[in-house]
Amino acid sequence: MKTQYYTACTLDGFIATEDDSLEWLFPLGDLNETSYPQFITGVGALAMGSATYEWMLRHVVRLHTAQPGQWPYTQPTWVFSGRVLKPVPGADIRFVRGDVRPVHAQMQAAAQGRNIWLVGGGDLVGQFHDAGLLDEIIAQVGSVTLGKGKPLLPRRIAGADALQLVSATRVGPGFAELRYEVPRKAP
């Protein structure tokens, strides 16, 4: 069981624009040509922040449209937010706030030996990293730059804590997939 941050980012390290747009991402390739189809089969639980959840509501679920979509995950999902958010009918979504450590323990139990996917955003993933709970980062680095936006991981990770590159793979003409192991600190 691993706790993984699987995401896409721009060459200059942003996962979204300042207003949470992902429009930069879609022209770069087909999701089915990435490692995502295989990756998601190993996921037993998910966590995301409120901005990611609200993006999913607007662009995937579209609750307030004539033809709303479905919540795309069958796995239980924890949404970290200090605000009250609307649930998706029929989806296993748990709204939480505060320290990631007790929630991570709940996620491990629910995942039943499968991986935990930290969907985003970067600050939430940083909280898991700070707590020593992040095992792997899988970043699909796109061939575009934004100049500013929401950072991939707003933390300083350097020196003895530097990530260990496991693999680098070309994914179509627009992406390189980088896999990093997060080293564990000695007790």
N, C-alpha and C. Protein backbone atom coordinates (compact mmCIF):
# COMPACT_ATOMS: atom_id res chain seq x y z
N MET A 1 0.85 -1.18 0.00
CA MET A 1 0.00 0.00 0.00
C MET A 1 0.89 1.23 0.00
N LYS A 2 0.62 2.14 -0.94
CA LYS A 2 1.35 3.40 -1.04
C LYS A 2 0.37 4.56 -1.00
N THR A 3 0.86 5.69 -0.50
CA THR A 3 0.12 6.94 -0.61
C THR A 3 0.78 7.72 -1.73
N GLN A 4 0.04 7.95 -2.81
CA GLN A 4 0.60 8.48 -4.05
C GLN A 4 -0.06 9.79 -4.46
N TYR A 5 0.77 10.70 -4.94
CA TYR A 5 0.29 11.93 -5.55
C TYR A 5 0.43 11.72 -7.05
N TYR A 6 -0.67 11.50 -7.74
CA TYR A 6 -0.68 11.29 -9.19
C TYR A 6 -1.36 12.50 -9.80
N THR A 7 -0.63 13.24 -10.64
CA THR A 7 -1.19 14.48 -11.17
C THR A 7 -0.50 14.86 -12.47
N ALA A 8 -0.99 15.91 -13.08
CA ALA A 8 -0.34 16.52 -14.24
C ALA A 8 0.06 17.93 -13.84
N CYS A 9 1.16 18.39 -14.42
CA CYS A 9 1.59 19.76 -14.15
C CYS A 9 2.27 20.31 -15.41
N THR A 10 2.41 21.61 -15.42
CA THR A 10 3.10 22.26 -16.53
C THR A 10 4.61 22.14 -16.34
N LEU A 11 5.35 22.45 -17.38
CA LEU A 11 6.80 22.39 -17.31
C LEU A 11 7.35 23.32 -16.22
N ASP A 12 6.65 24.42 -15.95
CA ASP A 12 7.10 25.32 -14.89
C ASP A 12 6.44 25.04 -13.54
N GLY A 13 5.84 23.86 -13.39
CA GLY A 13 5.44 23.37 -12.08
C GLY A 13 4.09 23.77 -11.54
N PHE A 14 3.12 24.05 -12.40
CA PHE A 14 1.78 24.41 -11.93
C PHE A 14 0.77 23.34 -12.33
N ILE A 15 -0.17 23.07 -11.41
CA ILE A 15 -1.22 22.08 -11.70
C ILE A 15 -2.48 22.73 -12.25
N ALA A 16 -2.61 24.04 -12.03
CA ALA A 16 -3.79 24.78 -12.51
C ALA A 16 -3.44 26.26 -12.58
N THR A 17 -4.26 27.00 -13.28
CA THR A 17 -4.09 28.45 -13.32
C THR A 17 -4.50 29.02 -11.96
N GLU A 18 -4.31 30.31 -11.79
CA GLU A 18 -4.68 30.95 -10.52
C GLU A 18 -6.17 30.83 -10.22
N ASP A 19 -7.00 30.72 -11.27
CA ASP A 19 -8.44 30.57 -11.07
C ASP A 19 -8.90 29.11 -11.22
N ASP A 20 -7.97 28.17 -10.99
CA ASP A 20 -8.24 26.73 -10.96
C ASP A 20 -8.62 26.12 -12.31
N SER A 21 -8.24 26.75 -13.41
CA SER A 21 -8.53 26.18 -14.72
C SER A 21 -7.50 25.12 -15.09
N LEU A 22 -7.98 24.07 -15.74
CA LEU A 22 -7.12 23.01 -16.27
C LEU A 22 -7.12 22.99 -17.79
N GLU A 23 -7.59 24.05 -18.40
CA GLU A 23 -7.71 24.08 -19.86
C GLU A 23 -6.37 23.87 -20.57
N TRP A 24 -5.27 24.19 -19.92
CA TRP A 24 -3.94 23.98 -20.50
C TRP A 24 -3.66 22.49 -20.73
N LEU A 25 -4.31 21.64 -19.94
CA LEU A 25 -4.02 20.21 -19.90
C LEU A 25 -4.62 19.42 -21.07
N PHE A 26 -5.86 19.67 -21.41
CA PHE A 26 -6.61 18.80 -22.30
C PHE A 26 -6.07 18.69 -23.73
N PRO A 27 -5.50 19.74 -24.32
CA PRO A 27 -4.99 19.58 -25.68
C PRO A 27 -3.70 18.75 -25.78
N LEU A 28 -3.10 18.41 -24.66
CA LEU A 28 -1.78 17.78 -24.68
C LEU A 28 -1.77 16.28 -24.89
N GLY A 29 -2.88 15.61 -24.73
CA GLY A 29 -2.86 14.17 -24.92
C GLY A 29 -4.13 13.50 -24.45
N ASP A 30 -4.18 12.21 -24.67
CA ASP A 30 -5.32 11.37 -24.33
C ASP A 30 -5.02 10.64 -23.01
N LEU A 31 -5.91 10.79 -22.04
CA LEU A 31 -5.74 10.16 -20.74
C LEU A 31 -5.52 8.66 -20.85
N ASN A 32 -6.17 8.02 -21.82
CA ASN A 32 -6.06 6.57 -21.99
C ASN A 32 -4.70 6.13 -22.51
N GLU A 33 -3.88 7.07 -22.97
CA GLU A 33 -2.53 6.74 -23.42
C GLU A 33 -1.49 6.93 -22.31
N THR A 34 -1.95 7.33 -21.14
CA THR A 34 -1.07 7.51 -19.99
C THR A 34 -1.12 6.26 -19.11
N SER A 35 -0.46 6.32 -17.99
CA SER A 35 -0.50 5.22 -17.03
C SER A 35 -1.76 5.24 -16.17
N TYR A 36 -2.63 6.25 -16.35
CA TYR A 36 -3.81 6.38 -15.51
C TYR A 36 -4.71 5.14 -15.49
N PRO A 37 -5.06 4.55 -16.64
CA PRO A 37 -5.97 3.38 -16.57
C PRO A 37 -5.42 2.26 -15.68
N GLN A 38 -4.13 2.03 -15.72
CA GLN A 38 -3.53 1.02 -14.84
C GLN A 38 -3.44 1.53 -13.41
N PHE A 39 -3.06 2.79 -13.25
CA PHE A 39 -2.92 3.39 -11.92
C PHE A 39 -4.21 3.29 -11.12
N ILE A 40 -5.34 3.66 -11.70
CA ILE A 40 -6.60 3.74 -10.97
C ILE A 40 -7.07 2.36 -10.49
N THR A 41 -6.67 1.30 -11.17
CA THR A 41 -7.07 -0.05 -10.72
C THR A 41 -6.43 -0.42 -9.39
N GLY A 42 -5.32 0.24 -9.02
CA GLY A 42 -4.67 -0.05 -7.75
C GLY A 42 -5.08 0.86 -6.62
N VAL A 43 -6.03 1.77 -6.88
CA VAL A 43 -6.43 2.77 -5.88
C VAL A 43 -7.62 2.26 -5.07
N GLY A 44 -7.48 2.35 -3.72
CA GLY A 44 -8.56 1.93 -2.83
C GLY A 44 -9.25 3.06 -2.11
N ALA A 45 -8.62 4.26 -2.10
CA ALA A 45 -9.20 5.43 -1.44
C ALA A 45 -8.57 6.67 -2.03
N LEU A 46 -9.31 7.80 -1.99
CA LEU A 46 -8.83 9.06 -2.55
C LEU A 46 -8.97 10.18 -1.54
N ALA A 47 -8.11 11.20 -1.69
CA ALA A 47 -8.25 12.43 -0.92
C ALA A 47 -8.06 13.60 -1.87
N MET A 48 -8.82 14.66 -1.62
CA MET A 48 -8.66 15.87 -2.43
C MET A 48 -9.05 17.08 -1.59
N GLY A 49 -8.59 18.23 -2.02
CA GLY A 49 -8.97 19.48 -1.38
C GLY A 49 -10.26 20.02 -1.97
N SER A 50 -10.76 21.08 -1.39
CA SER A 50 -12.05 21.63 -1.81
C SER A 50 -12.01 22.21 -3.22
N ALA A 51 -10.89 22.83 -3.62
CA ALA A 51 -10.83 23.39 -4.99
C ALA A 51 -10.90 22.28 -6.03
N THR A 52 -10.23 21.16 -5.77
CA THR A 52 -10.29 20.02 -6.70
C THR A 52 -11.70 19.45 -6.74
N TYR A 53 -12.31 19.30 -5.58
CA TYR A 53 -13.67 18.77 -5.50
C TYR A 53 -14.65 19.68 -6.27
N GLU A 54 -14.54 20.98 -6.04
CA GLU A 54 -15.44 21.91 -6.73
C GLU A 54 -15.21 21.91 -8.23
N TRP A 55 -13.96 21.72 -8.67
CA TRP A 55 -13.69 21.61 -10.10
C TRP A 55 -14.41 20.37 -10.66
N MET A 56 -14.33 19.26 -9.90
CA MET A 56 -15.01 18.03 -10.33
C MET A 56 -16.52 18.26 -10.44
N LEU A 57 -17.08 18.98 -9.46
CA LEU A 57 -18.53 19.26 -9.52
C LEU A 57 -18.90 20.07 -10.75
N ARG A 58 -18.08 21.08 -11.07
CA ARG A 58 -18.39 21.96 -12.22
C ARG A 58 -18.16 21.27 -13.56
N HIS A 59 -17.09 20.48 -13.68
CA HIS A 59 -16.67 20.00 -15.00
C HIS A 59 -16.96 18.53 -15.27
N VAL A 60 -17.17 17.74 -14.24
CA VAL A 60 -17.42 16.32 -14.46
C VAL A 60 -18.86 15.96 -14.06
N VAL A 61 -19.23 16.29 -12.84
CA VAL A 61 -20.56 15.92 -12.33
C VAL A 61 -21.64 16.86 -12.87
N ARG A 62 -21.38 18.14 -12.92
CA ARG A 62 -22.32 19.14 -13.45
C ARG A 62 -23.73 18.95 -12.86
N LEU A 63 -23.82 19.00 -11.54
CA LEU A 63 -25.08 18.73 -10.84
C LEU A 63 -26.24 19.60 -11.30
N HIS A 64 -25.98 20.84 -11.63
CA HIS A 64 -27.06 21.78 -11.94
C HIS A 64 -27.27 21.97 -13.44
N THR A 65 -27.06 20.92 -14.20
CA THR A 65 -27.29 20.99 -15.64
C THR A 65 -28.43 20.03 -16.01
N ALA A 66 -28.86 20.12 -17.25
CA ALA A 66 -29.94 19.27 -17.72
C ALA A 66 -29.54 17.79 -17.70
N GLN A 67 -28.27 17.51 -17.97
CA GLN A 67 -27.79 16.13 -17.98
C GLN A 67 -26.55 16.00 -17.10
N PRO A 68 -26.73 15.91 -15.78
CA PRO A 68 -25.57 15.79 -14.90
C PRO A 68 -24.83 14.48 -15.13
N GLY A 69 -23.53 14.53 -14.86
CA GLY A 69 -22.71 13.34 -14.98
C GLY A 69 -22.65 12.58 -13.65
N GLN A 70 -21.94 11.50 -13.67
CA GLN A 70 -21.76 10.66 -12.48
C GLN A 70 -20.45 11.04 -11.78
N TRP A 71 -20.36 10.78 -10.49
CA TRP A 71 -19.10 10.88 -9.78
C TRP A 71 -18.21 9.78 -10.36
N PRO A 72 -16.99 10.11 -10.81
CA PRO A 72 -16.21 9.14 -11.57
C PRO A 72 -15.52 8.04 -10.76
N TYR A 73 -15.62 8.08 -9.43
CA TYR A 73 -14.88 7.12 -8.62
C TYR A 73 -15.82 6.24 -7.80
N THR A 74 -15.51 4.96 -7.75
CA THR A 74 -16.25 4.04 -6.89
C THR A 74 -15.59 3.94 -5.52
N GLN A 75 -14.34 4.34 -5.42
CA GLN A 75 -13.62 4.29 -4.16
C GLN A 75 -14.11 5.39 -3.21
N PRO A 76 -14.01 5.14 -1.90
CA PRO A 76 -14.36 6.21 -0.96
C PRO A 76 -13.41 7.39 -1.13
N THR A 77 -13.98 8.59 -1.03
CA THR A 77 -13.22 9.82 -1.26
C THR A 77 -13.37 10.74 -0.05
N TRP A 78 -12.22 11.22 0.44
CA TRP A 78 -12.20 12.19 1.52
C TRP A 78 -11.92 13.56 0.93
N VAL A 79 -12.75 14.53 1.25
CA VAL A 79 -12.59 15.90 0.77
C VAL A 79 -12.25 16.77 1.98
N PHE A 80 -11.06 17.38 1.94
CA PHE A 80 -10.62 18.26 3.01
C PHE A 80 -11.10 19.68 2.71
N SER A 81 -11.86 20.25 3.65
CA SER A 81 -12.35 21.60 3.45
C SER A 81 -12.77 22.20 4.78
N GLY A 82 -12.56 23.48 4.90
CA GLY A 82 -13.06 24.21 6.06
C GLY A 82 -14.45 24.76 5.83
N ARG A 83 -15.00 24.50 4.64
CA ARG A 83 -16.33 25.00 4.28
C ARG A 83 -17.30 23.85 4.13
N VAL A 84 -18.58 24.16 4.15
CA VAL A 84 -19.61 23.16 3.89
C VAL A 84 -19.77 23.05 2.37
N LEU A 85 -19.64 21.84 1.85
CA LEU A 85 -19.74 21.60 0.41
C LEU A 85 -20.90 20.65 0.12
N LYS A 86 -21.42 20.75 -1.09
CA LYS A 86 -22.54 19.90 -1.50
C LYS A 86 -22.04 18.49 -1.82
N PRO A 87 -22.74 17.47 -1.29
CA PRO A 87 -22.37 16.10 -1.64
C PRO A 87 -22.92 15.72 -3.01
N VAL A 88 -22.36 14.67 -3.58
CA VAL A 88 -22.86 14.12 -4.84
C VAL A 88 -23.73 12.92 -4.47
N PRO A 89 -25.01 12.94 -4.86
CA PRO A 89 -25.90 11.82 -4.51
C PRO A 89 -25.33 10.48 -4.98
N GLY A 90 -25.35 9.51 -4.07
CA GLY A 90 -24.91 8.16 -4.40
C GLY A 90 -23.41 7.93 -4.33
N ALA A 91 -22.62 8.97 -4.12
CA ALA A 91 -21.16 8.82 -4.07
C ALA A 91 -20.69 8.70 -2.62
N ASP A 92 -19.66 7.90 -2.41
CA ASP A 92 -19.08 7.72 -1.08
C ASP A 92 -18.06 8.83 -0.85
N ILE A 93 -18.53 10.00 -0.42
CA ILE A 93 -17.69 11.17 -0.20
C ILE A 93 -17.80 11.56 1.27
N ARG A 94 -16.63 11.74 1.89
CA ARG A 94 -16.58 12.07 3.31
C ARG A 94 -15.88 13.42 3.46
N PHE A 95 -16.56 14.37 4.04
CA PHE A 95 -16.00 15.71 4.20
C PHE A 95 -15.30 15.79 5.55
N VAL A 96 -14.05 16.24 5.53
CA VAL A 96 -13.22 16.30 6.73
C VAL A 96 -12.45 17.61 6.76
N ARG A 97 -11.86 17.90 7.92
CA ARG A 97 -11.00 19.06 8.07
C ARG A 97 -9.95 18.72 9.12
N GLY A 98 -8.89 19.52 9.14
CA GLY A 98 -7.88 19.34 10.19
C GLY A 98 -6.72 18.47 9.77
N ASP A 99 -6.10 17.88 10.77
CA ASP A 99 -4.88 17.09 10.63
C ASP A 99 -5.11 15.90 9.69
N VAL A 100 -4.18 15.70 8.77
CA VAL A 100 -4.32 14.61 7.80
C VAL A 100 -4.03 13.23 8.40
N ARG A 101 -3.30 13.17 9.51
CA ARG A 101 -2.89 11.87 10.08
C ARG A 101 -4.05 10.97 10.48
N PRO A 102 -5.03 11.43 11.26
CA PRO A 102 -6.12 10.51 11.60
C PRO A 102 -6.98 10.14 10.38
N VAL A 103 -7.09 11.06 9.46
CA VAL A 103 -7.86 10.76 8.24
C VAL A 103 -7.11 9.73 7.40
N HIS A 104 -5.78 9.84 7.33
CA HIS A 104 -4.98 8.87 6.59
C HIS A 104 -5.20 7.46 7.14
N ALA A 105 -5.27 7.34 8.46
CA ALA A 105 -5.52 6.03 9.07
C ALA A 105 -6.89 5.48 8.64
N GLN A 106 -7.90 6.34 8.57
CA GLN A 106 -9.22 5.92 8.09
C GLN A 106 -9.14 5.48 6.63
N MET A 107 -8.38 6.23 5.84
CA MET A 107 -8.24 5.90 4.42
C MET A 107 -7.54 4.56 4.23
N GLN A 108 -6.51 4.31 5.03
CA GLN A 108 -5.81 3.03 4.94
C GLN A 108 -6.76 1.87 5.22
N ALA A 109 -7.58 2.01 6.24
CA ALA A 109 -8.53 0.95 6.57
C ALA A 109 -9.52 0.73 5.42
N ALA A 110 -10.01 1.81 4.86
CA ALA A 110 -10.99 1.70 3.77
C ALA A 110 -10.36 1.16 2.48
N ALA A 111 -9.08 1.46 2.25
CA ALA A 111 -8.41 1.04 1.01
C ALA A 111 -8.14 -0.46 0.97
N GLN A 112 -8.17 -1.12 2.10
CA GLN A 112 -8.02 -2.57 2.19
C GLN A 112 -6.80 -3.08 1.42
N GLY A 113 -5.65 -2.47 1.69
CA GLY A 113 -4.40 -2.93 1.09
C GLY A 113 -4.08 -2.31 -0.26
N ARG A 114 -5.01 -1.57 -0.82
CA ARG A 114 -4.76 -0.90 -2.10
C ARG A 114 -4.18 0.48 -1.82
N ASN A 115 -3.79 1.19 -2.84
CA ASN A 115 -3.12 2.48 -2.70
C ASN A 115 -4.09 3.61 -2.38
N ILE A 116 -3.54 4.67 -1.80
CA ILE A 116 -4.28 5.89 -1.53
C ILE A 116 -3.81 6.93 -2.54
N TRP A 117 -4.76 7.54 -3.25
CA TRP A 117 -4.44 8.56 -4.24
C TRP A 117 -4.76 9.93 -3.69
N LEU A 118 -3.72 10.76 -3.60
CA LEU A 118 -3.89 12.17 -3.26
C LEU A 118 -4.10 12.90 -4.58
N VAL A 119 -5.33 13.24 -4.88
CA VAL A 119 -5.69 13.82 -6.17
C VAL A 119 -5.17 15.25 -6.28
N GLY A 120 -5.17 16.00 -5.20
CA GLY A 120 -4.71 17.39 -5.20
C GLY A 120 -5.59 18.19 -4.28
N GLY A 121 -5.23 19.39 -4.09
CA GLY A 121 -4.16 20.18 -4.62
C GLY A 121 -2.85 20.04 -3.88
N GLY A 122 -1.93 20.85 -4.36
CA GLY A 122 -0.56 20.78 -3.90
C GLY A 122 -0.38 21.01 -2.42
N ASP A 123 -1.12 21.96 -1.85
CA ASP A 123 -0.97 22.22 -0.42
C ASP A 123 -1.45 21.04 0.41
N LEU A 124 -2.55 20.41 0.03
CA LEU A 124 -3.02 19.23 0.75
C LEU A 124 -1.97 18.12 0.68
N VAL A 125 -1.41 17.90 -0.49
CA VAL A 125 -0.37 16.89 -0.64
C VAL A 125 0.83 17.26 0.24
N GLY A 126 1.14 18.54 0.31
CA GLY A 126 2.22 19.00 1.17
C GLY A 126 1.98 18.66 2.63
N GLN A 127 0.73 18.71 3.07
CA GLN A 127 0.40 18.34 4.45
C GLN A 127 0.66 16.85 4.69
N PHE A 128 0.33 16.01 3.73
CA PHE A 128 0.64 14.59 3.84
C PHE A 128 2.16 14.38 3.87
N HIS A 129 2.88 15.12 3.02
CA HIS A 129 4.34 15.04 3.02
C HIS A 129 4.91 15.46 4.37
N ASP A 130 4.44 16.58 4.90
CA ASP A 130 4.93 17.08 6.18
C ASP A 130 4.71 16.08 7.31
N ALA A 131 3.63 15.31 7.22
CA ALA A 131 3.31 14.32 8.24
C ALA A 131 4.04 13.00 8.00
N GLY A 132 4.86 12.91 6.95
CA GLY A 132 5.59 11.67 6.66
C GLY A 132 4.72 10.58 6.07
N LEU A 133 3.63 10.95 5.40
CA LEU A 133 2.67 9.97 4.89
C LEU A 133 2.69 9.82 3.37
N LEU A 134 3.50 10.58 2.68
CA LEU A 134 3.55 10.52 1.21
C LEU A 134 4.68 9.57 0.78
N ASP A 135 4.34 8.59 -0.06
CA ASP A 135 5.32 7.60 -0.51
C ASP A 135 5.85 7.85 -1.92
N GLU A 136 5.00 8.38 -2.80
CA GLU A 136 5.37 8.47 -4.22
C GLU A 136 4.68 9.65 -4.88
N ILE A 137 5.40 10.28 -5.81
CA ILE A 137 4.83 11.32 -6.64
C ILE A 137 4.95 10.86 -8.09
N ILE A 138 3.82 10.86 -8.79
CA ILE A 138 3.80 10.54 -10.21
C ILE A 138 3.25 11.77 -10.90
N ALA A 139 4.13 12.45 -11.63
CA ALA A 139 3.74 13.72 -12.28
C ALA A 139 3.86 13.58 -13.79
N GLN A 140 2.76 13.85 -14.47
CA GLN A 140 2.76 13.93 -15.93
C GLN A 140 3.10 15.39 -16.24
N VAL A 141 4.32 15.63 -16.67
CA VAL A 141 4.79 17.00 -16.90
C VAL A 141 4.49 17.38 -18.35
N GLY A 142 3.64 18.39 -18.52
CA GLY A 142 3.20 18.81 -19.84
C GLY A 142 4.17 19.78 -20.49
N SER A 143 4.08 19.89 -21.79
CA SER A 143 4.99 20.70 -22.60
C SER A 143 4.50 22.14 -22.77
N VAL A 144 3.91 22.70 -21.70
CA VAL A 144 3.45 24.07 -21.70
C VAL A 144 3.91 24.75 -20.41
N THR A 145 3.90 26.07 -20.42
CA THR A 145 4.18 26.85 -19.20
C THR A 145 3.04 27.82 -18.97
N LEU A 146 2.81 28.16 -17.72
CA LEU A 146 1.76 29.11 -17.36
C LEU A 146 2.33 30.41 -16.80
N GLY A 147 3.53 30.37 -16.28
CA GLY A 147 4.11 31.57 -15.68
C GLY A 147 3.70 31.80 -14.25
N LYS A 148 2.47 31.42 -13.91
CA LYS A 148 1.98 31.48 -12.54
C LYS A 148 0.74 30.61 -12.44
N GLY A 149 0.39 30.28 -11.22
CA GLY A 149 -0.76 29.42 -11.01
C GLY A 149 -0.67 28.70 -9.69
N LYS A 150 -1.35 27.55 -9.61
CA LYS A 150 -1.35 26.72 -8.41
C LYS A 150 -0.17 25.75 -8.49
N PRO A 151 0.77 25.83 -7.54
CA PRO A 151 1.97 25.01 -7.64
C PRO A 151 1.73 23.52 -7.40
N LEU A 152 2.57 22.73 -8.04
CA LEU A 152 2.53 21.27 -7.92
C LEU A 152 2.64 20.84 -6.47
N LEU A 153 3.60 21.37 -5.74
CA LEU A 153 3.82 20.99 -4.35
C LEU A 153 4.53 22.14 -3.64
N PRO A 154 3.78 23.01 -3.00
CA PRO A 154 4.38 24.20 -2.40
C PRO A 154 5.15 23.90 -1.11
N ARG A 155 6.21 23.15 -1.25
CA ARG A 155 7.08 22.79 -0.15
C ARG A 155 8.52 22.84 -0.63
N ARG A 156 9.43 23.11 0.28
CA ARG A 156 10.86 22.99 -0.03
C ARG A 156 11.27 21.58 0.33
N ILE A 157 11.67 20.82 -0.68
CA ILE A 157 12.14 19.45 -0.48
C ILE A 157 13.52 19.40 -1.14
N ALA A 158 14.57 19.35 -0.32
CA ALA A 158 15.93 19.44 -0.84
C ALA A 158 16.88 18.68 0.08
N GLY A 159 18.14 18.63 -0.32
CA GLY A 159 19.17 17.99 0.49
C GLY A 159 18.88 16.52 0.72
N ALA A 160 19.01 16.09 1.97
CA ALA A 160 18.79 14.69 2.32
C ALA A 160 17.34 14.27 2.09
N ASP A 161 16.42 15.24 2.04
CA ASP A 161 15.00 14.94 1.82
C ASP A 161 14.62 14.89 0.34
N ALA A 162 15.59 15.11 -0.55
CA ALA A 162 15.29 15.18 -1.99
C ALA A 162 14.60 13.89 -2.46
N LEU A 163 13.68 14.07 -3.39
CA LEU A 163 12.97 12.94 -3.98
C LEU A 163 13.93 12.09 -4.79
N GLN A 164 13.63 10.80 -4.89
CA GLN A 164 14.46 9.87 -5.66
C GLN A 164 13.73 9.51 -6.96
N LEU A 165 14.32 9.88 -8.10
CA LEU A 165 13.70 9.57 -9.39
C LEU A 165 13.72 8.06 -9.62
N VAL A 166 12.55 7.49 -9.89
CA VAL A 166 12.41 6.07 -10.13
C VAL A 166 12.36 5.79 -11.63
N SER A 167 11.62 6.65 -12.37
CA SER A 167 11.51 6.46 -13.82
C SER A 167 11.08 7.75 -14.50
N ALA A 168 11.41 7.82 -15.79
CA ALA A 168 10.98 8.93 -16.65
C ALA A 168 10.55 8.29 -17.97
N THR A 169 9.31 8.56 -18.36
CA THR A 169 8.75 7.93 -19.55
C THR A 169 8.08 8.98 -20.43
N ARG A 170 8.32 8.90 -21.74
CA ARG A 170 7.63 9.78 -22.67
C ARG A 170 6.20 9.27 -22.86
N VAL A 171 5.24 10.20 -22.80
CA VAL A 171 3.83 9.86 -23.00
C VAL A 171 3.33 10.75 -24.14
N GLY A 172 3.31 10.21 -25.34
CA GLY A 172 2.87 10.97 -26.49
C GLY A 172 3.75 12.19 -26.72
N PRO A 173 3.28 13.11 -27.55
CA PRO A 173 4.09 14.29 -27.87
C PRO A 173 4.07 15.38 -26.80
N GLY A 174 3.18 15.27 -25.81
CA GLY A 174 2.99 16.39 -24.90
C GLY A 174 3.41 16.18 -23.45
N PHE A 175 3.79 14.96 -23.05
CA PHE A 175 4.06 14.70 -21.65
C PHE A 175 5.30 13.84 -21.43
N ALA A 176 5.90 14.04 -20.27
CA ALA A 176 6.89 13.12 -19.72
C ALA A 176 6.34 12.72 -18.35
N GLU A 177 6.26 11.43 -18.09
CA GLU A 177 5.81 10.98 -16.77
C GLU A 177 7.03 10.73 -15.90
N LEU A 178 7.08 11.44 -14.79
CA LEU A 178 8.17 11.31 -13.83
C LEU A 178 7.63 10.64 -12.57
N ARG A 179 8.32 9.59 -12.14
CA ARG A 179 7.94 8.90 -10.90
C ARG A 179 9.05 9.10 -9.88
N TYR A 180 8.65 9.59 -8.71
CA TYR A 180 9.59 9.84 -7.64
C TYR A 180 9.18 9.10 -6.39
N GLU A 181 10.15 8.52 -5.72
CA GLU A 181 9.94 7.95 -4.39
C GLU A 181 10.25 9.03 -3.38
N VAL A 182 9.45 9.11 -2.34
CA VAL A 182 9.67 10.06 -1.26
C VAL A 182 10.45 9.34 -0.18
N PRO A 183 11.69 9.74 0.08
CA PRO A 183 12.49 9.03 1.09
C PRO A 183 11.91 9.19 2.49
N ARG A 184 12.02 8.14 3.26
CA ARG A 184 11.58 8.17 4.66
C ARG A 184 12.73 8.65 5.53
N LYS A 185 12.40 9.50 6.46
CA LYS A 185 13.39 9.99 7.40
C LYS A 185 13.68 8.93 8.45
N ALA A 186 14.93 8.84 8.85
CA ALA A 186 15.31 7.88 9.90
C ALA A 186 14.70 8.31 11.23
N PRO A 187 14.21 7.35 12.02
CA PRO A 187 13.60 7.72 13.31
C PRO A 187 14.62 8.27 14.28
